PDB file of N, CA and C in Angstrom:
ATOM      1  N   MET A   1       0.856  -1.182   0.000  1.00  0.00           N
ATOM      2  CA  MET A   1       0.000   0.000   0.000  1.00  0.00           C
ATOM      3  C   MET A   1       0.886   1.224   0.000  1.00  0.00           C
ATOM      4  N   LYS A   2       0.600   2.129  -0.912  1.00  0.00           N
ATOM      5  CA  LYS A   2       1.317   3.399  -0.967  1.00  0.00           C
ATOM      6  C   LYS A   2       0.295   4.517  -0.971  1.00  0.00           C
ATOM      7  N   ARG A   3       0.383   5.375   0.016  1.00  0.00           N
ATOM      8  CA  ARG A   3      -0.531   6.511   0.109  1.00  0.00           C
ATOM      9  C   ARG A   3       0.184   7.774  -0.353  1.00  0.00           C
ATOM     10  N   ASN A   4      -0.439   8.457  -1.298  1.00  0.00           N
ATOM     11  CA  ASN A   4       0.086   9.712  -1.820  1.00  0.00           C
ATOM     12  C   ASN A   4      -0.854  10.868  -1.523  1.00  0.00           C
ATOM     13  N   GLY A   5      -1.856  10.633  -0.672  1.00  0.00           N
ATOM     14  CA  GLY A   5      -2.826  11.670  -0.350  1.00  0.00           C
ATOM     15  C   GLY A   5      -3.947  11.796  -1.361  1.00  0.00           C
ATOM     16  N   SER A   6      -4.099  10.804  -2.210  1.00  0.00           N
ATOM     17  CA  SER A   6      -5.130  10.815  -3.244  1.00  0.00           C
ATOM     18  C   SER A   6      -6.451  10.278  -2.692  1.00  0.00           C
ATOM     19  N   ASP A   7      -7.555  10.639  -3.354  1.00  0.00           N
ATOM     20  CA  ASP A   7      -8.847  10.051  -3.000  1.00  0.00           C
ATOM     21  C   ASP A   7      -9.196   8.897  -3.938  1.00  0.00           C
ATOM     22  N   VAL A   8      -8.206   8.494  -4.752  1.00  0.00           N
ATOM     23  CA  VAL A   8      -8.339   7.372  -5.677  1.00  0.00           C
ATOM     24  C   VAL A   8      -7.275   6.344  -5.322  1.00  0.00           C
ATOM     25  N   CYS A   9      -7.665   5.069  -5.340  1.00  0.00           N
ATOM     26  CA  CYS A   9      -6.700   3.994  -5.109  1.00  0.00           C
ATOM     27  C   CYS A   9      -6.753   3.024  -6.286  1.00  0.00           C
ATOM     28  N   SER A  10      -5.591   2.735  -6.852  1.00  0.00           N
ATOM     29  CA  SER A  10      -5.471   1.729  -7.906  1.00  0.00           C
ATOM     30  C   SER A  10      -5.111   0.404  -7.258  1.00  0.00           C
ATOM     31  N   VAL A  11      -5.877  -0.640  -7.579  1.00  0.00           N
ATOM     32  CA  VAL A  11      -5.686  -1.960  -6.979  1.00  0.00           C
ATOM     33  C   VAL A  11      -5.149  -2.913  -8.042  1.00  0.00           C
ATOM     34  N   PHE A  12      -4.051  -3.593  -7.690  1.00  0.00           N
ATOM     35  CA  PHE A  12      -3.404  -4.544  -8.590  1.00  0.00           C
ATOM     36  C   PHE A  12      -3.382  -5.913  -7.945  1.00  0.00           C
ATOM     37  N   GLU A  13      -3.499  -6.935  -8.793  1.00  0.00           N
ATOM     38  CA  GLU A  13      -3.475  -8.301  -8.281  1.00  0.00           C
ATOM     39  C   GLU A  13      -2.059  -8.708  -7.879  1.00  0.00           C
ATOM     40  N   GLY A  14      -1.074  -8.309  -8.667  1.00  0.00           N
ATOM     41  CA  GLY A  14       0.309  -8.680  -8.387  1.00  0.00           C
ATOM     42  C   GLY A  14       1.261  -7.511  -8.565  1.00  0.00           C
ATOM     43  N   PHE A  15       2.454  -7.659  -8.003  1.00  0.00           N
ATOM     44  CA  PHE A  15       3.440  -6.580  -8.034  1.00  0.00           C
ATOM     45  C   PHE A  15       3.922  -6.295  -9.452  1.00  0.00           C
ATOM     46  N   MET A  16       4.034  -7.326 -10.287  1.00  0.00           N
ATOM     47  CA  MET A  16       4.460  -7.106 -11.677  1.00  0.00           C
ATOM     48  C   MET A  16       3.434  -6.261 -12.429  1.00  0.00           C
ATOM     49  N   ASP A  17       2.169  -6.415 -12.113  1.00  0.00           N
ATOM     50  CA  ASP A  17       1.137  -5.581 -12.739  1.00  0.00           C
ATOM     51  C   ASP A  17       1.299  -4.132 -12.305  1.00  0.00           C
ATOM     52  N   TYR A  18       1.611  -3.920 -11.039  1.00  0.00           N
ATOM     53  CA  TYR A  18       1.872  -2.562 -10.555  1.00  0.00           C
ATOM     54  C   TYR A  18       3.069  -1.955 -11.281  1.00  0.00           C
ATOM     55  N   LEU A  19       4.164  -2.713 -11.389  1.00  0.00           N
ATOM     56  CA  LEU A  19       5.352  -2.207 -12.084  1.00  0.00           C
ATOM     57  C   LEU A  19       5.047  -1.907 -13.548  1.00  0.00           C
ATOM     58  N   SER A  20       4.220  -2.732 -14.161  1.00  0.00           N
ATOM     59  CA  SER A  20       3.816  -2.495 -15.554  1.00  0.00           C
ATOM     60  C   SER A  20       3.025  -1.202 -15.673  1.00  0.00           C
ATOM     61  N   ALA A  21       2.139  -0.960 -14.724  1.00  0.00           N
ATOM     62  CA  ALA A  21       1.359   0.284 -14.725  1.00  0.00           C
ATOM     63  C   ALA A  21       2.276   1.491 -14.578  1.00  0.00           C
ATOM     64  N   MET A  22       3.284   1.370 -13.735  1.00  0.00           N
ATOM     65  CA  MET A  22       4.253   2.453 -13.583  1.00  0.00           C
ATOM     66  C   MET A  22       4.974   2.706 -14.903  1.00  0.00           C
ATOM     67  N   GLN A  23       5.391   1.633 -15.555  1.00  0.00           N
ATOM     68  CA  GLN A  23       6.096   1.743 -16.841  1.00  0.00           C
ATOM     69  C   GLN A  23       5.205   2.395 -17.900  1.00  0.00           C
ATOM     70  N   LEU A  24       3.919   2.076 -17.866  1.00  0.00           N
ATOM     71  CA  LEU A  24       2.966   2.640 -18.829  1.00  0.00           C
ATOM     72  C   LEU A  24       2.514   4.050 -18.451  1.00  0.00           C
ATOM     73  N   GLY A  25       2.833   4.473 -17.239  1.00  0.00           N
ATOM     74  CA  GLY A  25       2.474   5.819 -16.791  1.00  0.00           C
ATOM     75  C   GLY A  25       0.995   6.013 -16.518  1.00  0.00           C
ATOM     76  N   ILE A  26       0.335   4.972 -16.019  1.00  0.00           N
ATOM     77  CA  ILE A  26      -1.116   5.082 -15.819  1.00  0.00           C
ATOM     78  C   ILE A  26      -1.518   5.229 -14.353  1.00  0.00           C
ATOM     79  N   ILE A  27      -0.558   5.418 -13.453  1.00  0.00           N
ATOM     80  CA  ILE A  27      -0.907   5.580 -12.037  1.00  0.00           C
ATOM     81  C   ILE A  27      -0.638   7.012 -11.603  1.00  0.00           C
ATOM     82  N   ALA A  28      -1.670   7.661 -11.125  1.00  0.00           N
ATOM     83  CA  ALA A  28      -1.534   8.995 -10.530  1.00  0.00           C
ATOM     84  C   ALA A  28      -2.370   9.023  -9.260  1.00  0.00           C
ATOM     85  N   SER A  29      -2.229   7.979  -8.471  1.00  0.00           N
ATOM     86  CA  SER A  29      -3.084   7.817  -7.295  1.00  0.00           C
ATOM     87  C   SER A  29      -2.338   7.024  -6.238  1.00  0.00           C
ATOM     88  N   ASP A  30      -3.011   6.789  -5.112  1.00  0.00           N
ATOM     89  CA  ASP A  30      -2.522   5.805  -4.159  1.00  0.00           C
ATOM     90  C   ASP A  30      -2.649   4.439  -4.829  1.00  0.00           C
ATOM     91  N   TRP A  31      -1.931   3.457  -4.336  1.00  0.00           N
ATOM     92  CA  TRP A  31      -2.033   2.130  -4.933  1.00  0.00           C
ATOM     93  C   TRP A  31      -1.902   1.039  -3.886  1.00  0.00           C
ATOM     94  N   LEU A  32      -2.478  -0.111  -4.230  1.00  0.00           N
ATOM     95  CA  LEU A  32      -2.483  -1.278  -3.354  1.00  0.00           C
ATOM     96  C   LEU A  32      -2.247  -2.524  -4.199  1.00  0.00           C
ATOM     97  N   VAL A  33      -1.264  -3.331  -3.806  1.00  0.00           N
ATOM     98  CA  VAL A  33      -1.002  -4.611  -4.465  1.00  0.00           C
ATOM     99  C   VAL A  33      -1.514  -5.712  -3.544  1.00  0.00           C
ATOM    100  N   LEU A  34      -2.437  -6.515  -4.046  1.00  0.00           N
ATOM    101  CA  LEU A  34      -3.017  -7.591  -3.242  1.00  0.00           C
ATOM    102  C   LEU A  34      -2.037  -8.749  -3.035  1.00  0.00           C
ATOM    103  N   ASN A  35      -1.157  -8.983  -4.010  1.00  0.00           N
ATOM    104  CA  ASN A  35      -0.222 -10.121  -4.032  1.00  0.00           C
ATOM    105  C   ASN A  35      -0.934 -11.453  -4.212  1.00  0.00           C
ATOM    106  N   SER A  36      -2.201 -11.487  -3.964  1.00  0.00           N
ATOM    107  CA  SER A  36      -3.046 -12.653  -4.192  1.00  0.00           C
ATOM    108  C   SER A  36      -4.485 -12.186  -4.013  1.00  0.00           C
ATOM    109  N   VAL A  37      -5.374 -12.686  -4.849  1.00  0.00           N
ATOM    110  CA  VAL A  37      -6.772 -12.276  -4.699  1.00  0.00           C
ATOM    111  C   VAL A  37      -7.346 -12.739  -3.365  1.00  0.00           C
ATOM    112  N   SER A  38      -6.696 -13.696  -2.732  1.00  0.00           N
ATOM    113  CA  SER A  38      -7.177 -14.154  -1.424  1.00  0.00           C
ATOM    114  C   SER A  38      -7.004 -13.080  -0.346  1.00  0.00           C
ATOM    115  N   ASN A  39      -6.240 -12.041  -0.637  1.00  0.00           N
ATOM    116  CA  ASN A  39      -6.036 -10.950   0.323  1.00  0.00           C
ATOM    117  C   ASN A  39      -7.071  -9.832   0.210  1.00  0.00           C
ATOM    118  N   VAL A  40      -8.073 -10.011  -0.615  1.00  0.00           N
ATOM    119  CA  VAL A  40      -9.059  -8.943  -0.825  1.00  0.00           C
ATOM    120  C   VAL A  40      -9.781  -8.585   0.472  1.00  0.00           C
ATOM    121  N   GLU A  41     -10.060  -9.562   1.312  1.00  0.00           N
ATOM    122  CA  GLU A  41     -10.756  -9.276   2.574  1.00  0.00           C
ATOM    123  C   GLU A  41      -9.946  -8.325   3.452  1.00  0.00           C
ATOM    124  N   LYS A  42      -8.632  -8.507   3.462  1.00  0.00           N
ATOM    125  CA  LYS A  42      -7.761  -7.636   4.251  1.00  0.00           C
ATOM    126  C   LYS A  42      -7.748  -6.213   3.705  1.00  0.00           C
ATOM    127  N   ALA A  43      -7.979  -6.072   2.416  1.00  0.00           N
ATOM    128  CA  ALA A  43      -7.911  -4.766   1.765  1.00  0.00           C
ATOM    129  C   ALA A  43      -9.172  -3.928   1.971  1.00  0.00           C
ATOM    130  N   LEU A  44     -10.274  -4.545   2.340  1.00  0.00           N
ATOM    131  CA  LEU A  44     -11.554  -3.836   2.414  1.00  0.00           C
ATOM    132  C   LEU A  44     -11.514  -2.629   3.343  1.00  0.00           C
ATOM    133  N   LYS A  45     -10.952  -2.782   4.519  1.00  0.00           N
ATOM    134  CA  LYS A  45     -10.912  -1.678   5.481  1.00  0.00           C
ATOM    135  C   LYS A  45     -10.072  -0.520   4.950  1.00  0.00           C
ATOM    136  N   VAL A  46      -8.961  -0.836   4.320  1.00  0.00           N
ATOM    137  CA  VAL A  46      -8.061   0.179   3.769  1.00  0.00           C
ATOM    138  C   VAL A  46      -8.742   0.961   2.646  1.00  0.00           C
ATOM    139  N   LEU A  47      -9.512   0.277   1.817  1.00  0.00           N
ATOM    140  CA  LEU A  47     -10.130   0.901   0.645  1.00  0.00           C
ATOM    141  C   LEU A  47     -11.362   1.733   0.979  1.00  0.00           C
ATOM    142  N   ASP A  48     -11.892   1.570   2.154  1.00  0.00           N
ATOM    143  CA  ASP A  48     -13.147   2.217   2.534  1.00  0.00           C
ATOM    144  C   ASP A  48     -13.116   3.742   2.416  1.00  0.00           C
ATOM    145  N   ASP A  49     -11.984   4.356   2.659  1.00  0.00           N
ATOM    146  CA  ASP A  49     -11.893   5.819   2.672  1.00  0.00           C
ATOM    147  C   ASP A  49     -11.777   6.459   1.291  1.00  0.00           C
ATOM    148  N   TYR A  50     -11.627   5.658   0.251  1.00  0.00           N
ATOM    149  CA  TYR A  50     -11.397   6.225  -1.081  1.00  0.00           C
ATOM    150  C   TYR A  50     -12.699   6.564  -1.798  1.00  0.00           C
ATOM    151  N   ARG A  51     -12.651   7.624  -2.582  1.00  0.00           N
ATOM    152  CA  ARG A  51     -13.786   8.055  -3.395  1.00  0.00           C
ATOM    153  C   ARG A  51     -13.941   7.160  -4.624  1.00  0.00           C
ATOM    154  N   ARG A  52     -12.787   6.675  -5.155  1.00  0.00           N
ATOM    155  CA  ARG A  52     -12.812   5.822  -6.346  1.00  0.00           C
ATOM    156  C   ARG A  52     -11.747   4.739  -6.196  1.00  0.00           C
ATOM    157  N   ILE A  53     -12.086   3.544  -6.666  1.00  0.00           N
ATOM    158  CA  ILE A  53     -11.170   2.408  -6.633  1.00  0.00           C
ATOM    159  C   ILE A  53     -11.029   1.894  -8.061  1.00  0.00           C
ATOM    160  N   ASP A  54      -9.835   2.070  -8.638  1.00  0.00           N
ATOM    161  CA  ASP A  54      -9.544   1.604  -9.994  1.00  0.00           C
ATOM    162  C   ASP A  54      -8.906   0.225  -9.911  1.00  0.00           C
ATOM    163  N   CYS A  55      -9.554  -0.772 -10.521  1.00  0.00           N
ATOM    164  CA  CYS A  55      -9.091  -2.156 -10.424  1.00  0.00           C
ATOM    165  C   CYS A  55      -8.395  -2.599 -11.703  1.00  0.00           C
ATOM    166  N   TYR A  56      -7.157  -3.019 -11.554  1.00  0.00           N
ATOM    167  CA  TYR A  56      -6.355  -3.570 -12.642  1.00  0.00           C
ATOM    168  C   TYR A  56      -6.105  -5.039 -12.317  1.00  0.00           C
ATOM    169  N   LEU A  57      -7.161  -5.823 -12.362  1.00  0.00           N
ATOM    170  CA  LEU A  57      -7.106  -7.231 -11.966  1.00  0.00           C
ATOM    171  C   LEU A  57      -6.972  -8.116 -13.196  1.00  0.00           C
ATOM    172  N   ASP A  58      -6.575  -9.365 -12.983  1.00  0.00           N
ATOM    173  CA  ASP A  58      -6.386 -10.297 -14.085  1.00  0.00           C
ATOM    174  C   ASP A  58      -7.705 -10.593 -14.793  1.00  0.00           C
ATOM    175  N   ASN A  59      -7.602 -10.848 -16.084  1.00  0.00           N
ATOM    176  CA  ASN A  59      -8.760 -11.244 -16.888  1.00  0.00           C
ATOM    177  C   ASN A  59      -8.964 -12.755 -16.774  1.00  0.00           C
ATOM    178  N   ASP A  60      -9.303 -13.208 -15.589  1.00  0.00           N
ATOM    179  CA  ASP A  60      -9.593 -14.619 -15.347  1.00  0.00           C
ATOM    180  C   ASP A  60     -10.682 -14.707 -14.279  1.00  0.00           C
ATOM    181  N   ASP A  61     -11.089 -15.927 -13.957  1.00  0.00           N
ATOM    182  CA  ASP A  61     -12.177 -16.101 -12.985  1.00  0.00           C
ATOM    183  C   ASP A  61     -11.854 -15.474 -11.634  1.00  0.00           C
ATOM    184  N   ALA A  62     -10.628 -15.658 -11.156  1.00  0.00           N
ATOM    185  CA  ALA A  62     -10.252 -15.104  -9.850  1.00  0.00           C
ATOM    186  C   ALA A  62     -10.295 -13.579  -9.870  1.00  0.00           C
ATOM    187  N   GLY A  63      -9.816 -12.982 -10.943  1.00  0.00           N
ATOM    188  CA  GLY A  63      -9.864 -11.528 -11.063  1.00  0.00           C
ATOM    189  C   GLY A  63     -11.289 -11.009 -11.116  1.00  0.00           C
ATOM    190  N   HIS A  64     -12.152 -11.720 -11.850  1.00  0.00           N
ATOM    191  CA  HIS A  64     -13.559 -11.309 -11.949  1.00  0.00           C
ATOM    192  C   HIS A  64     -14.282 -11.451 -10.608  1.00  0.00           C
ATOM    193  N   ARG A  65     -13.991 -12.531  -9.879  1.00  0.00           N
ATOM    194  CA  ARG A  65     -14.596 -12.710  -8.550  1.00  0.00           C
ATOM    195  C   ARG A  65     -14.144 -11.610  -7.586  1.00  0.00           C
ATOM    196  N   THR A  66     -12.885 -11.240  -7.677  1.00  0.00           N
ATOM    197  CA  THR A  66     -12.359 -10.180  -6.813  1.00  0.00           C
ATOM    198  C   THR A  66     -13.026  -8.854  -7.133  1.00  0.00           C
ATOM    199  N   LEU A  67     -13.194  -8.564  -8.407  1.00  0.00           N
ATOM    200  CA  LEU A  67     -13.878  -7.339  -8.819  1.00  0.00           C
ATOM    201  C   LEU A  67     -15.304  -7.317  -8.273  1.00  0.00           C
ATOM    202  N   GLU A  68     -16.011  -8.427  -8.395  1.00  0.00           N
ATOM    203  CA  GLU A  68     -17.384  -8.493  -7.888  1.00  0.00           C
ATOM    204  C   GLU A  68     -17.422  -8.351  -6.367  1.00  0.00           C
ATOM    205  N   ARG A  69     -16.442  -8.907  -5.681  1.00  0.00           N
ATOM    206  CA  ARG A  69     -16.377  -8.765  -4.218  1.00  0.00           C
ATOM    207  C   ARG A  69     -16.200  -7.304  -3.835  1.00  0.00           C
ATOM    208  N   LEU A  70     -15.335  -6.593  -4.539  1.00  0.00           N
ATOM    209  CA  LEU A  70     -15.134  -5.172  -4.264  1.00  0.00           C
ATOM    210  C   LEU A  70     -16.391  -4.367  -4.589  1.00  0.00           C
ATOM    211  N   ARG A  71     -17.052  -4.713  -5.684  1.00  0.00           N
ATOM    212  CA  ARG A  71     -18.295  -4.012  -6.048  1.00  0.00           C
ATOM    213  C   ARG A  71     -19.395  -4.262  -5.017  1.00  0.00           C
ATOM    214  N   LYS A  72     -19.401  -5.442  -4.432  1.00  0.00           N
ATOM    215  CA  LYS A  72     -20.395  -5.755  -3.403  1.00  0.00           C
ATOM    216  C   LYS A  72     -20.257  -4.795  -2.221  1.00  0.00           C
ATOM    217  N   ASP A  73     -19.035  -4.504  -1.838  1.00  0.00           N
ATOM    218  CA  ASP A  73     -18.791  -3.627  -0.694  1.00  0.00           C
ATOM    219  C   ASP A  73     -18.811  -2.144  -1.049  1.00  0.00           C
ATOM    220  N   PHE A  74     -18.313  -1.792  -2.231  1.00  0.00           N
ATOM    221  CA  PHE A  74     -18.100  -0.382  -2.555  1.00  0.00           C
ATOM    222  C   PHE A  74     -18.929   0.138  -3.728  1.00  0.00           C
ATOM    223  N   GLY A  75     -19.695  -0.725  -4.356  1.00  0.00           N
ATOM    224  CA  GLY A  75     -20.625  -0.309  -5.401  1.00  0.00           C
ATOM    225  C   GLY A  75     -20.002   0.501  -6.520  1.00  0.00           C
ATOM    226  N   GLU A  76     -20.580   1.664  -6.768  1.00  0.00           N
ATOM    227  CA  GLU A  76     -20.195   2.491  -7.912  1.00  0.00           C
ATOM    228  C   GLU A  76     -18.836   3.161  -7.757  1.00  0.00           C
ATOM    229  N   LYS A  77     -18.192   3.008  -6.616  1.00  0.00           N
ATOM    230  CA  LYS A  77     -16.836   3.540  -6.430  1.00  0.00           C
ATOM    231  C   LYS A  77     -15.800   2.691  -7.165  1.00  0.00           C
ATOM    232  N   VAL A  78     -16.173   1.468  -7.545  1.00  0.00           N
ATOM    233  CA  VAL A  78     -15.238   0.514  -8.145  1.00  0.00           C
ATOM    234  C   VAL A  78     -15.313   0.593  -9.665  1.00  0.00           C
ATOM    235  N   PHE A  79     -14.146   0.769 -10.289  1.00  0.00           N
ATOM    236  CA  PHE A  79     -14.047   0.844 -11.740  1.00  0.00           C
ATOM    237  C   PHE A  79     -13.124  -0.257 -12.244  1.00  0.00           C
ATOM    238  N   ASP A  80     -13.625  -1.017 -13.217  1.00  0.00           N
ATOM    239  CA  ASP A  80     -12.858  -2.094 -13.839  1.00  0.00           C
ATOM    240  C   ASP A  80     -12.017  -1.489 -14.955  1.00  0.00           C
ATOM    241  N   ARG A  81     -10.706  -1.516 -14.822  1.00  0.00           N
ATOM    242  CA  ARG A  81      -9.797  -0.956 -15.823  1.00  0.00           C
ATOM    243  C   ARG A  81      -9.210  -2.022 -16.740  1.00  0.00           C
ATOM    244  N   SER A  82      -9.714  -3.248 -16.664  1.00  0.00           N
ATOM    245  CA  SER A  82      -9.152  -4.335 -17.469  1.00  0.00           C
ATOM    246  C   SER A  82      -9.420  -4.179 -18.964  1.00  0.00           C
ATOM    247  N   SER A  83     -10.295  -3.266 -19.346  1.00  0.00           N
ATOM    248  CA  SER A  83     -10.508  -3.035 -20.782  1.00  0.00           C
ATOM    249  C   SER A  83      -9.241  -2.493 -21.444  1.00  0.00           C
ATOM    250  N   LEU A  84      -8.341  -1.922 -20.659  1.00  0.00           N
ATOM    251  CA  LEU A  84      -7.065  -1.434 -21.196  1.00  0.00           C
ATOM    252  C   LEU A  84      -6.211  -2.574 -21.737  1.00  0.00           C
ATOM    253  N   TYR A  85      -6.415  -3.775 -21.209  1.00  0.00           N
ATOM    254  CA  TYR A  85      -5.628  -4.943 -21.622  1.00  0.00           C
ATOM    255  C   TYR A  85      -6.553  -6.138 -21.873  1.00  0.00           C
ATOM    256  N   ALA A  86      -7.681  -5.859 -22.512  1.00  0.00           N
ATOM    257  CA  ALA A  86      -8.754  -6.847 -22.688  1.00  0.00           C
ATOM    258  C   ALA A  86      -8.314  -8.127 -23.395  1.00  0.00           C
ATOM    259  N   ASP A  87      -7.372  -8.039 -24.309  1.00  0.00           N
ATOM    260  CA  ASP A  87      -6.933  -9.221 -25.054  1.00  0.00           C
ATOM    261  C   ASP A  87      -5.771  -9.942 -24.387  1.00  0.00           C
ATOM    262  N   HIS A  88      -5.492  -9.595 -23.140  1.00  0.00           N
ATOM    263  CA  HIS A  88      -4.352 -10.165 -22.422  1.00  0.00           C
ATOM    264  C   HIS A  88      -4.785 -10.617 -21.031  1.00  0.00           C
ATOM    265  N   LYS A  89      -4.009 -11.518 -20.439  1.00  0.00           N
ATOM    266  CA  LYS A  89      -4.334 -12.036 -19.109  1.00  0.00           C
ATOM    267  C   LYS A  89      -4.261 -10.947 -18.055  1.00  0.00           C
ATOM    268  N   ASP A  90      -3.257 -10.093 -18.171  1.00  0.00           N
ATOM    269  CA  ASP A  90      -3.073  -9.051 -17.166  1.00  0.00           C
ATOM    270  C   ASP A  90      -2.282  -7.886 -17.749  1.00  0.00           C
ATOM    271  N   LEU A  91      -2.060  -6.886 -16.945  1.00  0.00           N
ATOM    272  CA  LEU A  91      -1.377  -5.674 -17.383  1.00  0.00           C
ATOM    273  C   LEU A  91       0.070  -5.950 -17.773  1.00  0.00           C
ATOM    274  N   ASN A  92       0.738  -6.843 -17.067  1.00  0.00           N
ATOM    275  CA  ASN A  92       2.117  -7.179 -17.398  1.00  0.00           C
ATOM    276  C   ASN A  92       2.214  -7.854 -18.762  1.00  0.00           C
ATOM    277  N   GLU A  93       1.316  -8.785 -19.037  1.00  0.00           N
ATOM    278  CA  GLU A  93       1.306  -9.450 -20.343  1.00  0.00           C
ATOM    279  C   GLU A  93       1.051  -8.431 -21.457  1.00  0.00           C
ATOM    280  N   TYR A  94       0.168  -7.484 -21.203  1.00  0.00           N
ATOM    281  CA  TYR A  94      -0.100  -6.415 -22.170  1.00  0.00           C
ATOM    282  C   TYR A  94       1.168  -5.602 -22.435  1.00  0.00           C
ATOM    283  N   LEU A  95       1.868  -5.201 -21.387  1.00  0.00           N
ATOM    284  CA  LEU A  95       3.089  -4.417 -21.551  1.00  0.00           C
ATOM    285  C   LEU A  95       4.122  -5.187 -22.362  1.00  0.00           C
ATOM    286  N   LEU A  96       4.301  -6.457 -22.063  1.00  0.00           N
ATOM    287  CA  LEU A  96       5.261  -7.270 -22.810  1.00  0.00           C
ATOM    288  C   LEU A  96       4.884  -7.362 -24.281  1.00  0.00           C
ATOM    289  N   SER A  97       3.600  -7.455 -24.580  1.00  0.00           N
ATOM    290  CA  SER A  97       3.165  -7.521 -25.980  1.00  0.00           C
ATOM    291  C   SER A  97       3.426  -6.202 -26.700  1.00  0.00           C
ATOM    292  N   GLN A  98       3.328  -5.085 -25.995  1.00  0.00           N
ATOM    293  CA  GLN A  98       3.592  -3.777 -26.595  1.00  0.00           C
ATOM    294  C   GLN A  98       5.071  -3.622 -26.934  1.00  0.00           C
ATOM    295  N   LYS A  99       5.926  -4.184 -26.131  1.00  0.00           N
ATOM    296  CA  LYS A  99       7.373  -4.097 -26.373  1.00  0.00           C
ATOM    297  C   LYS A  99       7.787  -4.950 -27.558  1.00  0.00           C
ATOM    298  N   GLN A 100       7.006  -6.001 -27.872  1.00  0.00           N
ATOM    299  CA  GLN A 100       7.320  -6.872 -29.001  1.00  0.00           C
ATOM    300  C   GLN A 100       6.875  -6.268 -30.319  1.00  0.00           C
ATOM    301  N   ASP A 101       5.895  -5.385 -30.283  1.00  0.00           N
ATOM    302  CA  ASP A 101       5.361  -4.783 -31.522  1.00  0.00           C
ATOM    303  C   ASP A 101       6.292  -3.746 -32.096  1.00  0.00           C
TER     304      ASP A 101
END
């Protein structure tokens, strides 16, 4: 968890996804790396104070379940950002594909 005084928190499933977001220049907020979707319950209290939660989760069943869990607690504050890498498993895979092009 990194707090920069923002009212927005970007949530990543893994640290490599966070590093990829940094490389792509898409983070201008506080951020939280779950390290595993099983840690979502621990993150709920931390995320409660944010006005918006941007989710950069994996495009798989676990990522979708995590997104739905966050939406259950935070409703319209949760934004799914996976459309940025819709044809890829995650943000890191997307970044690697961009470097190959």
